[in-house]
Amino acid sequence: MEIQLIKLCAGALAFTGCLLAYLASPRQRLLRGHLERKSAWGLFAGLQLLACVLLANVYPAVSAVLVVLSLVMFAWIGLVLASSHLAGRPVLVGSVGLVLSSLIMVTG
């Protein structure tokens, strides 16, 4: 149970970081304006690092980094596809993304 909770938190952190990086883009469609670039990318890097540290308690370090990298690729592709269909609904896109990334981590 404890391992599943760690995976759940790591998946949520990884997706949140990707969402922040996406919202810093001037081409994003979820917000009217975009977030400040440096702070969003700094938070992205910090959240990905924290997700790697959490997963390193469950997996070997290299595997943890690869899992986070896979989550980042999934999240960015999903964000681009979701934002094109759900433009102007950041809460819906964020909540669906959090649920999907957490389910991916928990189910394997």
PDB file of N, CA and C in Angstrom:
ATOM      1  N   MET A   1       0.821  -1.199   0.000  1.00  0.00           N
ATOM      2  CA  MET A   1       0.000   0.000   0.000  1.00  0.00           C
ATOM      3  C   MET A   1       0.862   1.260   0.000  1.00  0.00           C
ATOM      4  N   GLU A   2       1.943   1.224   0.747  1.00  0.00           N
ATOM      5  CA  GLU A   2       2.830   2.378   0.827  1.00  0.00           C
ATOM      6  C   GLU A   2       3.506   2.644  -0.512  1.00  0.00           C
ATOM      7  N   ILE A   3       3.868   1.578  -1.208  1.00  0.00           N
ATOM      8  CA  ILE A   3       4.514   1.735  -2.513  1.00  0.00           C
ATOM      9  C   ILE A   3       3.545   2.350  -3.517  1.00  0.00           C
ATOM     10  N   GLN A   4       2.283   1.946  -3.476  1.00  0.00           N
ATOM     11  CA  GLN A   4       1.286   2.505  -4.385  1.00  0.00           C
ATOM     12  C   GLN A   4       1.077   3.992  -4.133  1.00  0.00           C
ATOM     13  N   LEU A   5       1.125   4.399  -2.871  1.00  0.00           N
ATOM     14  CA  LEU A   5       0.973   5.805  -2.535  1.00  0.00           C
ATOM     15  C   LEU A   5       2.156   6.635  -3.031  1.00  0.00           C
ATOM     16  N   ILE A   6       3.348   6.070  -2.930  1.00  0.00           N
ATOM     17  CA  ILE A   6       4.539   6.757  -3.448  1.00  0.00           C
ATOM     18  C   ILE A   6       4.430   6.918  -4.961  1.00  0.00           C
ATOM     19  N   LYS A   7       4.001   5.877  -5.654  1.00  0.00           N
ATOM     20  CA  LYS A   7       3.836   5.958  -7.108  1.00  0.00           C
ATOM     21  C   LYS A   7       2.760   6.973  -7.485  1.00  0.00           C
ATOM     22  N   LEU A   8       1.681   6.997  -6.715  1.00  0.00           N
ATOM     23  CA  LEU A   8       0.598   7.938  -6.965  1.00  0.00           C
ATOM     24  C   LEU A   8       1.088   9.378  -6.842  1.00  0.00           C
ATOM     25  N   CYS A   9       1.834   9.661  -5.788  1.00  0.00           N
ATOM     26  CA  CYS A   9       2.374  11.013  -5.581  1.00  0.00           C
ATOM     27  C   CYS A   9       3.375  11.381  -6.671  1.00  0.00           C
ATOM     28  N   ALA A  10       4.219  10.444  -7.058  1.00  0.00           N
ATOM     29  CA  ALA A  10       5.206  10.722  -8.108  1.00  0.00           C
ATOM     30  C   ALA A  10       4.521  11.004  -9.442  1.00  0.00           C
ATOM     31  N   GLY A  11       3.488  10.261  -9.772  1.00  0.00           N
ATOM     32  CA  GLY A  11       2.746  10.515 -11.007  1.00  0.00           C
ATOM     33  C   GLY A  11       2.064  11.868 -11.001  1.00  0.00           C
ATOM     34  N   ALA A  12       1.497  12.237  -9.865  1.00  0.00           N
ATOM     35  CA  ALA A  12       0.846  13.546  -9.756  1.00  0.00           C
ATOM     36  C   ALA A  12       1.866  14.676  -9.853  1.00  0.00           C
ATOM     37  N   LEU A  13       3.022  14.508  -9.237  1.00  0.00           N
ATOM     38  CA  LEU A  13       4.065  15.531  -9.313  1.00  0.00           C
ATOM     39  C   LEU A  13       4.582  15.696 -10.741  1.00  0.00           C
ATOM     40  N   ALA A  14       4.797  14.576 -11.411  1.00  0.00           N
ATOM     41  CA  ALA A  14       5.309  14.639 -12.787  1.00  0.00           C
ATOM     42  C   ALA A  14       4.306  15.336 -13.705  1.00  0.00           C
ATOM     43  N   PHE A  15       3.032  15.007 -13.573  1.00  0.00           N
ATOM     44  CA  PHE A  15       2.033  15.640 -14.430  1.00  0.00           C
ATOM     45  C   PHE A  15       1.879  17.121 -14.108  1.00  0.00           C
ATOM     46  N   THR A  16       1.911  17.470 -12.840  1.00  0.00           N
ATOM     47  CA  THR A  16       1.783  18.877 -12.449  1.00  0.00           C
ATOM     48  C   THR A  16       2.927  19.706 -13.033  1.00  0.00           C
ATOM     49  N   GLY A  17       4.133  19.159 -12.992  1.00  0.00           N
ATOM     50  CA  GLY A  17       5.264  19.859 -13.593  1.00  0.00           C
ATOM     51  C   GLY A  17       5.092  20.050 -15.088  1.00  0.00           C
ATOM     52  N   CYS A  18       4.593  19.026 -15.762  1.00  0.00           N
ATOM     53  CA  CYS A  18       4.365  19.133 -17.207  1.00  0.00           C
ATOM     54  C   CYS A  18       3.269  20.148 -17.523  1.00  0.00           C
ATOM     55  N   LEU A  19       2.241  20.186 -16.696  1.00  0.00           N
ATOM     56  CA  LEU A  19       1.173  21.158 -16.903  1.00  0.00           C
ATOM     57  C   LEU A  19       1.696  22.582 -16.732  1.00  0.00           C
ATOM     58  N   LEU A  20       2.540  22.807 -15.737  1.00  0.00           N
ATOM     59  CA  LEU A  20       3.124  24.135 -15.538  1.00  0.00           C
ATOM     60  C   LEU A  20       3.993  24.539 -16.732  1.00  0.00           C
ATOM     61  N   ALA A  21       4.788  23.605 -17.231  1.00  0.00           N
ATOM     62  CA  ALA A  21       5.629  23.914 -18.393  1.00  0.00           C
ATOM     63  C   ALA A  21       4.774  24.198 -19.627  1.00  0.00           C
ATOM     64  N   TYR A  22       3.687  23.465 -19.796  1.00  0.00           N
ATOM     65  CA  TYR A  22       2.797  23.707 -20.929  1.00  0.00           C
ATOM     66  C   TYR A  22       2.127  25.074 -20.817  1.00  0.00           C
ATOM     67  N   LEU A  23       1.721  25.434 -19.605  1.00  0.00           N
ATOM     68  CA  LEU A  23       1.047  26.718 -19.413  1.00  0.00           C
ATOM     69  C   LEU A  23       1.993  27.906 -19.580  1.00  0.00           C
ATOM     70  N   ALA A  24       3.296  27.669 -19.598  1.00  0.00           N
ATOM     71  CA  ALA A  24       4.266  28.741 -19.823  1.00  0.00           C
ATOM     72  C   ALA A  24       4.465  29.021 -21.311  1.00  0.00           C
ATOM     73  N   SER A  25       3.938  28.166 -22.156  1.00  0.00           N
ATOM     74  CA  SER A  25       4.097  28.357 -23.599  1.00  0.00           C
ATOM     75  C   SER A  25       3.141  29.447 -24.098  1.00  0.00           C
ATOM     76  N   PRO A  26       3.609  30.313 -24.989  1.00  0.00           N
ATOM     77  CA  PRO A  26       2.698  31.318 -25.539  1.00  0.00           C
ATOM     78  C   PRO A  26       1.634  30.714 -26.468  1.00  0.00           C
ATOM     79  N   ARG A  27       1.811  29.469 -26.884  1.00  0.00           N
ATOM     80  CA  ARG A  27       0.845  28.815 -27.782  1.00  0.00           C
ATOM     81  C   ARG A  27      -0.175  27.941 -27.060  1.00  0.00           C
ATOM     82  N   GLN A  28      -0.133  27.917 -25.740  1.00  0.00           N
ATOM     83  CA  GLN A  28      -1.089  27.090 -25.006  1.00  0.00           C
ATOM     84  C   GLN A  28      -2.494  27.666 -25.148  1.00  0.00           C
ATOM     85  N   ARG A  29      -3.500  26.808 -25.029  1.00  0.00           N
ATOM     86  CA  ARG A  29      -4.881  27.224 -25.263  1.00  0.00           C
ATOM     87  C   ARG A  29      -5.763  27.142 -24.032  1.00  0.00           C
ATOM     88  N   LEU A  30      -5.165  26.873 -22.887  1.00  0.00           N
ATOM     89  CA  LEU A  30      -5.994  26.699 -21.698  1.00  0.00           C
ATOM     90  C   LEU A  30      -6.242  28.003 -20.945  1.00  0.00           C
ATOM     91  N   LEU A  31      -5.262  28.885 -20.901  1.00  0.00           N
ATOM     92  CA  LEU A  31      -5.392  30.164 -20.210  1.00  0.00           C
ATOM     93  C   LEU A  31      -5.344  31.296 -21.227  1.00  0.00           C
ATOM     94  N   ARG A  32      -5.862  32.446 -20.856  1.00  0.00           N
ATOM     95  CA  ARG A  32      -5.812  33.595 -21.769  1.00  0.00           C
ATOM     96  C   ARG A  32      -4.380  34.078 -21.952  1.00  0.00           C
ATOM     97  N   GLY A  33      -3.653  34.188 -20.877  1.00  0.00           N
ATOM     98  CA  GLY A  33      -2.240  34.548 -20.944  1.00  0.00           C
ATOM     99  C   GLY A  33      -1.404  33.328 -20.617  1.00  0.00           C
ATOM    100  N   HIS A  34      -0.102  33.490 -20.601  1.00  0.00           N
ATOM    101  CA  HIS A  34       0.734  32.352 -20.236  1.00  0.00           C
ATOM    102  C   HIS A  34       1.524  32.685 -18.982  1.00  0.00           C
ATOM    103  N   LEU A  35       1.980  31.654 -18.299  1.00  0.00           N
ATOM    104  CA  LEU A  35       2.747  31.823 -17.072  1.00  0.00           C
ATOM    105  C   LEU A  35       4.142  32.337 -17.379  1.00  0.00           C
ATOM    106  N   GLU A  36       4.804  32.845 -16.341  1.00  0.00           N
ATOM    107  CA  GLU A  36       6.179  33.288 -16.521  1.00  0.00           C
ATOM    108  C   GLU A  36       7.059  32.078 -16.809  1.00  0.00           C
ATOM    109  N   ARG A  37       7.891  32.203 -17.826  1.00  0.00           N
ATOM    110  CA  ARG A  37       8.668  31.061 -18.321  1.00  0.00           C
ATOM    111  C   ARG A  37       9.664  30.510 -17.321  1.00  0.00           C
ATOM    112  N   LYS A  38      10.471  31.373 -16.745  1.00  0.00           N
ATOM    113  CA  LYS A  38      11.549  30.890 -15.881  1.00  0.00           C
ATOM    114  C   LYS A  38      11.014  30.205 -14.627  1.00  0.00           C
ATOM    115  N   SER A  39      10.001  30.781 -14.019  1.00  0.00           N
ATOM    116  CA  SER A  39       9.466  30.159 -12.804  1.00  0.00           C
ATOM    117  C   SER A  39       8.758  28.841 -13.123  1.00  0.00           C
ATOM    118  N   ALA A  40       8.025  28.788 -14.235  1.00  0.00           N
ATOM    119  CA  ALA A  40       7.318  27.556 -14.601  1.00  0.00           C
ATOM    120  C   ALA A  40       8.296  26.431 -14.926  1.00  0.00           C
ATOM    121  N   TRP A  41       9.346  26.749 -15.678  1.00  0.00           N
ATOM    122  CA  TRP A  41      10.325  25.709 -16.014  1.00  0.00           C
ATOM    123  C   TRP A  41      11.159  25.316 -14.800  1.00  0.00           C
ATOM    124  N   GLY A  42      11.403  26.255 -13.895  1.00  0.00           N
ATOM    125  CA  GLY A  42      12.088  25.906 -12.655  1.00  0.00           C
ATOM    126  C   GLY A  42      11.258  24.961 -11.799  1.00  0.00           C
ATOM    127  N   LEU A  43       9.960  25.246 -11.705  1.00  0.00           N
ATOM    128  CA  LEU A  43       9.065  24.336 -10.974  1.00  0.00           C
ATOM    129  C   LEU A  43       8.960  22.990 -11.672  1.00  0.00           C
ATOM    130  N   PHE A  44       8.944  23.001 -12.993  1.00  0.00           N
ATOM    131  CA  PHE A  44       8.923  21.745 -13.748  1.00  0.00           C
ATOM    132  C   PHE A  44      10.132  20.883 -13.377  1.00  0.00           C
ATOM    133  N   ALA A  45      11.318  21.483 -13.415  1.00  0.00           N
ATOM    134  CA  ALA A  45      12.532  20.723 -13.100  1.00  0.00           C
ATOM    135  C   ALA A  45      12.516  20.227 -11.663  1.00  0.00           C
ATOM    136  N   GLY A  46      12.079  21.069 -10.752  1.00  0.00           N
ATOM    137  CA  GLY A  46      12.028  20.663  -9.346  1.00  0.00           C
ATOM    138  C   GLY A  46      11.040  19.534  -9.092  1.00  0.00           C
ATOM    139  N   LEU A  47       9.873  19.617  -9.719  1.00  0.00           N
ATOM    140  CA  LEU A  47       8.869  18.565  -9.530  1.00  0.00           C
ATOM    141  C   LEU A  47       9.295  17.251 -10.164  1.00  0.00           C
ATOM    142  N   GLN A  48       9.964  17.319 -11.312  1.00  0.00           N
ATOM    143  CA  GLN A  48      10.449  16.082 -11.931  1.00  0.00           C
ATOM    144  C   GLN A  48      11.543  15.450 -11.076  1.00  0.00           C
ATOM    145  N   LEU A  49      12.399  16.278 -10.523  1.00  0.00           N
ATOM    146  CA  LEU A  49      13.455  15.774  -9.641  1.00  0.00           C
ATOM    147  C   LEU A  49      12.851  15.135  -8.398  1.00  0.00           C
ATOM    148  N   LEU A  50      11.843  15.769  -7.834  1.00  0.00           N
ATOM    149  CA  LEU A  50      11.178  15.206  -6.657  1.00  0.00           C
ATOM    150  C   LEU A  50      10.479  13.887  -6.997  1.00  0.00           C
ATOM    151  N   ALA A  51       9.884  13.809  -8.171  1.00  0.00           N
ATOM    152  CA  ALA A  51       9.262  12.550  -8.608  1.00  0.00           C
ATOM    153  C   ALA A  51      10.315  11.463  -8.770  1.00  0.00           C
ATOM    154  N   CYS A  52      11.486  11.814  -9.305  1.00  0.00           N
ATOM    155  CA  CYS A  52      12.580  10.836  -9.440  1.00  0.00           C
ATOM    156  C   CYS A  52      13.052  10.357  -8.079  1.00  0.00           C
ATOM    157  N   VAL A  53      13.168  11.260  -7.132  1.00  0.00           N
ATOM    158  CA  VAL A  53      13.613  10.884  -5.785  1.00  0.00           C
ATOM    159  C   VAL A  53      12.592   9.963  -5.127  1.00  0.00           C
ATOM    160  N   LEU A  54      11.313  10.271  -5.283  1.00  0.00           N
ATOM    161  CA  LEU A  54      10.278   9.399  -4.718  1.00  0.00           C
ATOM    162  C   LEU A  54      10.317   8.008  -5.346  1.00  0.00           C
ATOM    163  N   LEU A  55      10.444   7.963  -6.664  1.00  0.00           N
ATOM    164  CA  LEU A  55      10.457   6.666  -7.339  1.00  0.00           C
ATOM    165  C   LEU A  55      11.756   5.899  -7.108  1.00  0.00           C
ATOM    166  N   ALA A  56      12.829   6.601  -6.751  1.00  0.00           N
ATOM    167  CA  ALA A  56      14.089   5.917  -6.455  1.00  0.00           C
ATOM    168  C   ALA A  56      13.983   5.107  -5.170  1.00  0.00           C
ATOM    169  N   ASN A  57      12.977   5.379  -4.357  1.00  0.00           N
ATOM    170  CA  ASN A  57      12.731   4.553  -3.175  1.00  0.00           C
ATOM    171  C   ASN A  57      12.066   3.237  -3.534  1.00  0.00           C
ATOM    172  N   VAL A  58      11.456   3.178  -4.712  1.00  0.00           N
ATOM    173  CA  VAL A  58      10.745   1.977  -5.157  1.00  0.00           C
ATOM    174  C   VAL A  58      11.555   1.211  -6.195  1.00  0.00           C
ATOM    175  N   TYR A  59      12.118   1.935  -7.162  1.00  0.00           N
ATOM    176  CA  TYR A  59      12.863   1.354  -8.266  1.00  0.00           C
ATOM    177  C   TYR A  59      14.343   1.733  -8.163  1.00  0.00           C
ATOM    178  N   PRO A  60      15.209   1.054  -8.910  1.00  0.00           N
ATOM    179  CA  PRO A  60      16.592   1.547  -9.022  1.00  0.00           C
ATOM    180  C   PRO A  60      16.599   2.946  -9.664  1.00  0.00           C
ATOM    181  N   ALA A  61      17.661   3.699  -9.432  1.00  0.00           N
ATOM    182  CA  ALA A  61      17.703   5.111  -9.843  1.00  0.00           C
ATOM    183  C   ALA A  61      17.501   5.290 -11.352  1.00  0.00           C
ATOM    184  N   VAL A  62      18.148   4.474 -12.154  1.00  0.00           N
ATOM    185  CA  VAL A  62      18.022   4.611 -13.610  1.00  0.00           C
ATOM    186  C   VAL A  62      16.592   4.301 -14.052  1.00  0.00           C
ATOM    187  N   SER A  63      15.994   3.312 -13.460  1.00  0.00           N
ATOM    188  CA  SER A  63      14.607   2.976 -13.787  1.00  0.00           C
ATOM    189  C   SER A  63      13.660   4.088 -13.370  1.00  0.00           C
ATOM    190  N   ALA A  64      13.918   4.709 -12.236  1.00  0.00           N
ATOM    191  CA  ALA A  64      13.075   5.820 -11.780  1.00  0.00           C
ATOM    192  C   ALA A  64      13.141   6.986 -12.753  1.00  0.00           C
ATOM    193  N   VAL A  65      14.329   7.285 -13.246  1.00  0.00           N
ATOM    194  CA  VAL A  65      14.481   8.376 -14.211  1.00  0.00           C
ATOM    195  C   VAL A  65      13.757   8.037 -15.516  1.00  0.00           C
ATOM    196  N   LEU A  66      13.844   6.799 -15.959  1.00  0.00           N
ATOM    197  CA  LEU A  66      13.162   6.397 -17.190  1.00  0.00           C
ATOM    198  C   LEU A  66      11.639   6.419 -17.039  1.00  0.00           C
ATOM    199  N   VAL A  67      11.149   6.057 -15.866  1.00  0.00           N
ATOM    200  CA  VAL A  67       9.709   6.117 -15.619  1.00  0.00           C
ATOM    201  C   VAL A  67       9.231   7.565 -15.666  1.00  0.00           C
ATOM    202  N   VAL A  68       9.971   8.467 -15.034  1.00  0.00           N
ATOM    203  CA  VAL A  68       9.586   9.877 -15.052  1.00  0.00           C
ATOM    204  C   VAL A  68       9.673  10.437 -16.473  1.00  0.00           C
ATOM    205  N   LEU A  69      10.684  10.060 -17.216  1.00  0.00           N
ATOM    206  CA  LEU A  69      10.803  10.511 -18.606  1.00  0.00           C
ATOM    207  C   LEU A  69       9.620  10.020 -19.439  1.00  0.00           C
ATOM    208  N   SER A  70       9.205   8.794 -19.225  1.00  0.00           N
ATOM    209  CA  SER A  70       8.039   8.263 -19.933  1.00  0.00           C
ATOM    210  C   SER A  70       6.775   9.018 -19.549  1.00  0.00           C
ATOM    211  N   LEU A  71       6.637   9.342 -18.269  1.00  0.00           N
ATOM    212  CA  LEU A  71       5.481  10.115 -17.829  1.00  0.00           C
ATOM    213  C   LEU A  71       5.464  11.517 -18.442  1.00  0.00           C
ATOM    214  N   VAL A  72       6.619  12.125 -18.553  1.00  0.00           N
ATOM    215  CA  VAL A  72       6.699  13.458 -19.152  1.00  0.00           C
ATOM    216  C   VAL A  72       6.267  13.398 -20.620  1.00  0.00           C
ATOM    217  N   MET A  73       6.727  12.399 -21.344  1.00  0.00           N
ATOM    218  CA  MET A  73       6.333  12.265 -22.747  1.00  0.00           C
ATOM    219  C   MET A  73       4.832  12.038 -22.877  1.00  0.00           C
ATOM    220  N   PHE A  74       4.275  11.175 -22.022  1.00  0.00           N
ATOM    221  CA  PHE A  74       2.833  10.935 -22.033  1.00  0.00           C
ATOM    222  C   PHE A  74       2.065  12.208 -21.714  1.00  0.00           C
ATOM    223  N   ALA A  75       2.519  12.922 -20.699  1.00  0.00           N
ATOM    224  CA  ALA A  75       1.792  14.109 -20.251  1.00  0.00           C
ATOM    225  C   ALA A  75       1.798  15.204 -21.313  1.00  0.00           C
ATOM    226  N   TRP A  76       2.930  15.443 -21.944  1.00  0.00           N
ATOM    227  CA  TRP A  76       2.976  16.505 -22.944  1.00  0.00           C
ATOM    228  C   TRP A  76       2.140  16.168 -24.179  1.00  0.00           C
ATOM    229  N   ILE A  77       2.171  14.932 -24.608  1.00  0.00           N
ATOM    230  CA  ILE A  77       1.328  14.532 -25.740  1.00  0.00           C
ATOM    231  C   ILE A  77      -0.139  14.638 -25.351  1.00  0.00           C
ATOM    232  N   GLY A  78      -0.463  14.157 -24.156  1.00  0.00           N
ATOM    233  CA  GLY A  78      -1.851  14.243 -23.693  1.00  0.00           C
ATOM    234  C   GLY A  78      -2.330  15.669 -23.517  1.00  0.00           C
ATOM    235  N   LEU A  79      -1.453  16.546 -23.023  1.00  0.00           N
ATOM    236  CA  LEU A  79      -1.838  17.947 -22.847  1.00  0.00           C
ATOM    237  C   LEU A  79      -2.117  18.638 -24.178  1.00  0.00           C
ATOM    238  N   VAL A  80      -1.302  18.363 -25.166  1.00  0.00           N
ATOM    239  CA  VAL A  80      -1.512  18.982 -26.472  1.00  0.00           C
ATOM    240  C   VAL A  80      -2.823  18.497 -27.083  1.00  0.00           C
ATOM    241  N   LEU A  81      -3.080  17.200 -26.995  1.00  0.00           N
ATOM    242  CA  LEU A  81      -4.330  16.658 -27.558  1.00  0.00           C
ATOM    243  C   LEU A  81      -5.548  17.140 -26.787  1.00  0.00           C
ATOM    244  N   ALA A  82      -5.459  17.127 -25.461  1.00  0.00           N
ATOM    245  CA  ALA A  82      -6.601  17.540 -24.641  1.00  0.00           C
ATOM    246  C   ALA A  82      -6.887  19.025 -24.767  1.00  0.00           C
ATOM    247  N   SER A  83      -5.841  19.841 -24.823  1.00  0.00           N
ATOM    248  CA  SER A  83      -6.078  21.279 -24.886  1.00  0.00           C
ATOM    249  C   SER A  83      -6.660  21.708 -26.226  1.00  0.00           C
ATOM    250  N   SER A  84      -6.417  20.941 -27.269  1.00  0.00           N
ATOM    251  CA  SER A  84      -7.021  21.287 -28.554  1.00  0.00           C
ATOM    252  C   SER A  84      -8.523  21.006 -28.556  1.00  0.00           C
ATOM    253  N   HIS A  85      -8.959  20.027 -27.794  1.00  0.00           N
ATOM    254  CA  HIS A  85     -10.386  19.701 -27.733  1.00  0.00           C
ATOM    255  C   HIS A  85     -11.100  20.403 -26.593  1.00  0.00           C
ATOM    256  N   LEU A  86     -10.378  20.738 -25.535  1.00  0.00           N
ATOM    257  CA  LEU A  86     -10.980  21.349 -24.350  1.00  0.00           C
ATOM    258  C   LEU A  86     -10.378  22.724 -24.086  1.00  0.00           C
ATOM    259  N   ALA A  87     -10.276  23.531 -25.104  1.00  0.00           N
ATOM    260  CA  ALA A  87      -9.662  24.860 -24.969  1.00  0.00           C
ATOM    261  C   ALA A  87     -10.454  25.704 -23.967  1.00  0.00           C
ATOM    262  N   GLY A  88      -9.727  26.358 -23.075  1.00  0.00           N
ATOM    263  CA  GLY A  88     -10.359  27.229 -22.092  1.00  0.00           C
ATOM    264  C   GLY A  88     -10.876  26.516 -20.861  1.00  0.00           C
ATOM    265  N   ARG A  89     -10.569  25.261 -20.688  1.00  0.00           N
ATOM    266  CA  ARG A  89     -11.016  24.498 -19.510  1.00  0.00           C
ATOM    267  C   ARG A  89      -9.814  23.902 -18.781  1.00  0.00           C
ATOM    268  N   PRO A  90      -9.013  24.731 -18.129  1.00  0.00           N
ATOM    269  CA  PRO A  90      -7.785  24.220 -17.499  1.00  0.00           C
ATOM    270  C   PRO A  90      -8.040  23.272 -16.332  1.00  0.00           C
ATOM    271  N   VAL A  91      -9.126  23.482 -15.604  1.00  0.00           N
ATOM    272  CA  VAL A  91      -9.405  22.610 -14.460  1.00  0.00           C
ATOM    273  C   VAL A  91      -9.763  21.203 -14.929  1.00  0.00           C
ATOM    274  N   LEU A  92     -10.554  21.112 -15.983  1.00  0.00           N
ATOM    275  CA  LEU A  92     -10.932  19.804 -16.521  1.00  0.00           C
ATOM    276  C   LEU A  92      -9.721  19.065 -17.075  1.00  0.00           C
ATOM    277  N   VAL A  93      -8.897  19.766 -17.844  1.00  0.00           N
ATOM    278  CA  VAL A  93      -7.700  19.141 -18.415  1.00  0.00           C
ATOM    279  C   VAL A  93      -6.748  18.709 -17.310  1.00  0.00           C
ATOM    280  N   GLY A  94      -6.547  19.559 -16.316  1.00  0.00           N
ATOM    281  CA  GLY A  94      -5.648  19.233 -15.215  1.00  0.00           C
ATOM    282  C   GLY A  94      -6.129  18.061 -14.384  1.00  0.00           C
ATOM    283  N   SER A  95      -7.419  18.027 -14.085  1.00  0.00           N
ATOM    284  CA  SER A  95      -7.931  16.934 -13.257  1.00  0.00           C
ATOM    285  C   SER A  95      -7.928  15.604 -14.001  1.00  0.00           C
ATOM    286  N   VAL A  96      -8.284  15.624 -15.277  1.00  0.00           N
ATOM    287  CA  VAL A  96      -8.244  14.388 -16.066  1.00  0.00           C
ATOM    288  C   VAL A  96      -6.806  13.896 -16.208  1.00  0.00           C
ATOM    289  N   GLY A  97      -5.897  14.814 -16.436  1.00  0.00           N
ATOM    290  CA  GLY A  97      -4.488  14.435 -16.543  1.00  0.00           C
ATOM    291  C   GLY A  97      -3.928  13.875 -15.253  1.00  0.00           C
ATOM    292  N   LEU A  98      -4.295  14.475 -14.120  1.00  0.00           N
ATOM    293  CA  LEU A  98      -3.840  13.944 -12.831  1.00  0.00           C
ATOM    294  C   LEU A  98      -4.372  12.539 -12.583  1.00  0.00           C
ATOM    295  N   VAL A  99      -5.637  12.343 -12.903  1.00  0.00           N
ATOM    296  CA  VAL A  99      -6.231  11.012 -12.699  1.00  0.00           C
ATOM    297  C   VAL A  99      -5.567   9.985 -13.609  1.00  0.00           C
ATOM    298  N   LEU A 100      -5.373  10.326 -14.885  1.00  0.00           N
ATOM    299  CA  LEU A 100      -4.774   9.366 -15.812  1.00  0.00           C
ATOM    300  C   LEU A 100      -3.316   9.056 -15.473  1.00  0.00           C
ATOM    301  N   SER A 101      -2.531  10.072 -15.133  1.00  0.00           N
ATOM    302  CA  SER A 101      -1.143   9.813 -14.799  1.00  0.00           C
ATOM    303  C   SER A 101      -1.014   9.017 -13.497  1.00  0.00           C
ATOM    304  N   SER A 102      -1.903   9.292 -12.543  1.00  0.00           N
ATOM    305  CA  SER A 102      -1.879   8.521 -11.303  1.00  0.00           C
ATOM    306  C   SER A 102      -2.305   7.077 -11.537  1.00  0.00           C
ATOM    307  N   LEU A 103      -3.301   6.878 -12.398  1.00  0.00           N
ATOM    308  CA  LEU A 103      -3.717   5.504 -12.721  1.00  0.00           C
ATOM    309  C   LEU A 103      -2.619   4.751 -13.451  1.00  0.00           C
ATOM    310  N   ILE A 104      -1.922   5.425 -14.337  1.00  0.00           N
ATOM    311  CA  ILE A 104      -0.820   4.769 -15.043  1.00  0.00           C
ATOM    312  C   ILE A 104       0.240   4.313 -14.040  1.00  0.00           C
ATOM    313  N   MET A 105       0.553   5.155 -13.077  1.00  0.00           N
ATOM    314  CA  MET A 105       1.581   4.807 -12.095  1.00  0.00           C
ATOM    315  C   MET A 105       1.131   3.675 -11.171  1.00  0.00           C
ATOM    316  N   VAL A 106      -0.105   3.707 -10.745  1.00  0.00           N
ATOM    317  CA  VAL A 106      -0.577   2.704  -9.785  1.00  0.00           C
ATOM    318  C   VAL A 106      -0.791   1.347 -10.445  1.00  0.00           C
ATOM    319  N   THR A 107      -1.313   1.341 -11.678  1.00  0.00           N
ATOM    320  CA  THR A 107      -1.589   0.061 -12.331  1.00  0.00           C
ATOM    321  C   THR A 107      -0.362  -0.537 -12.995  1.00  0.00           C
ATOM    322  N   GLY A 108       0.661   0.265 -13.196  1.00  0.00           N
ATOM    323  CA  GLY A 108       1.898  -0.294 -13.713  1.00  0.00           C
ATOM    324  C   GLY A 108       2.149   0.120 -15.112  1.00  0.00           C
TER     325      GLY A 108
END
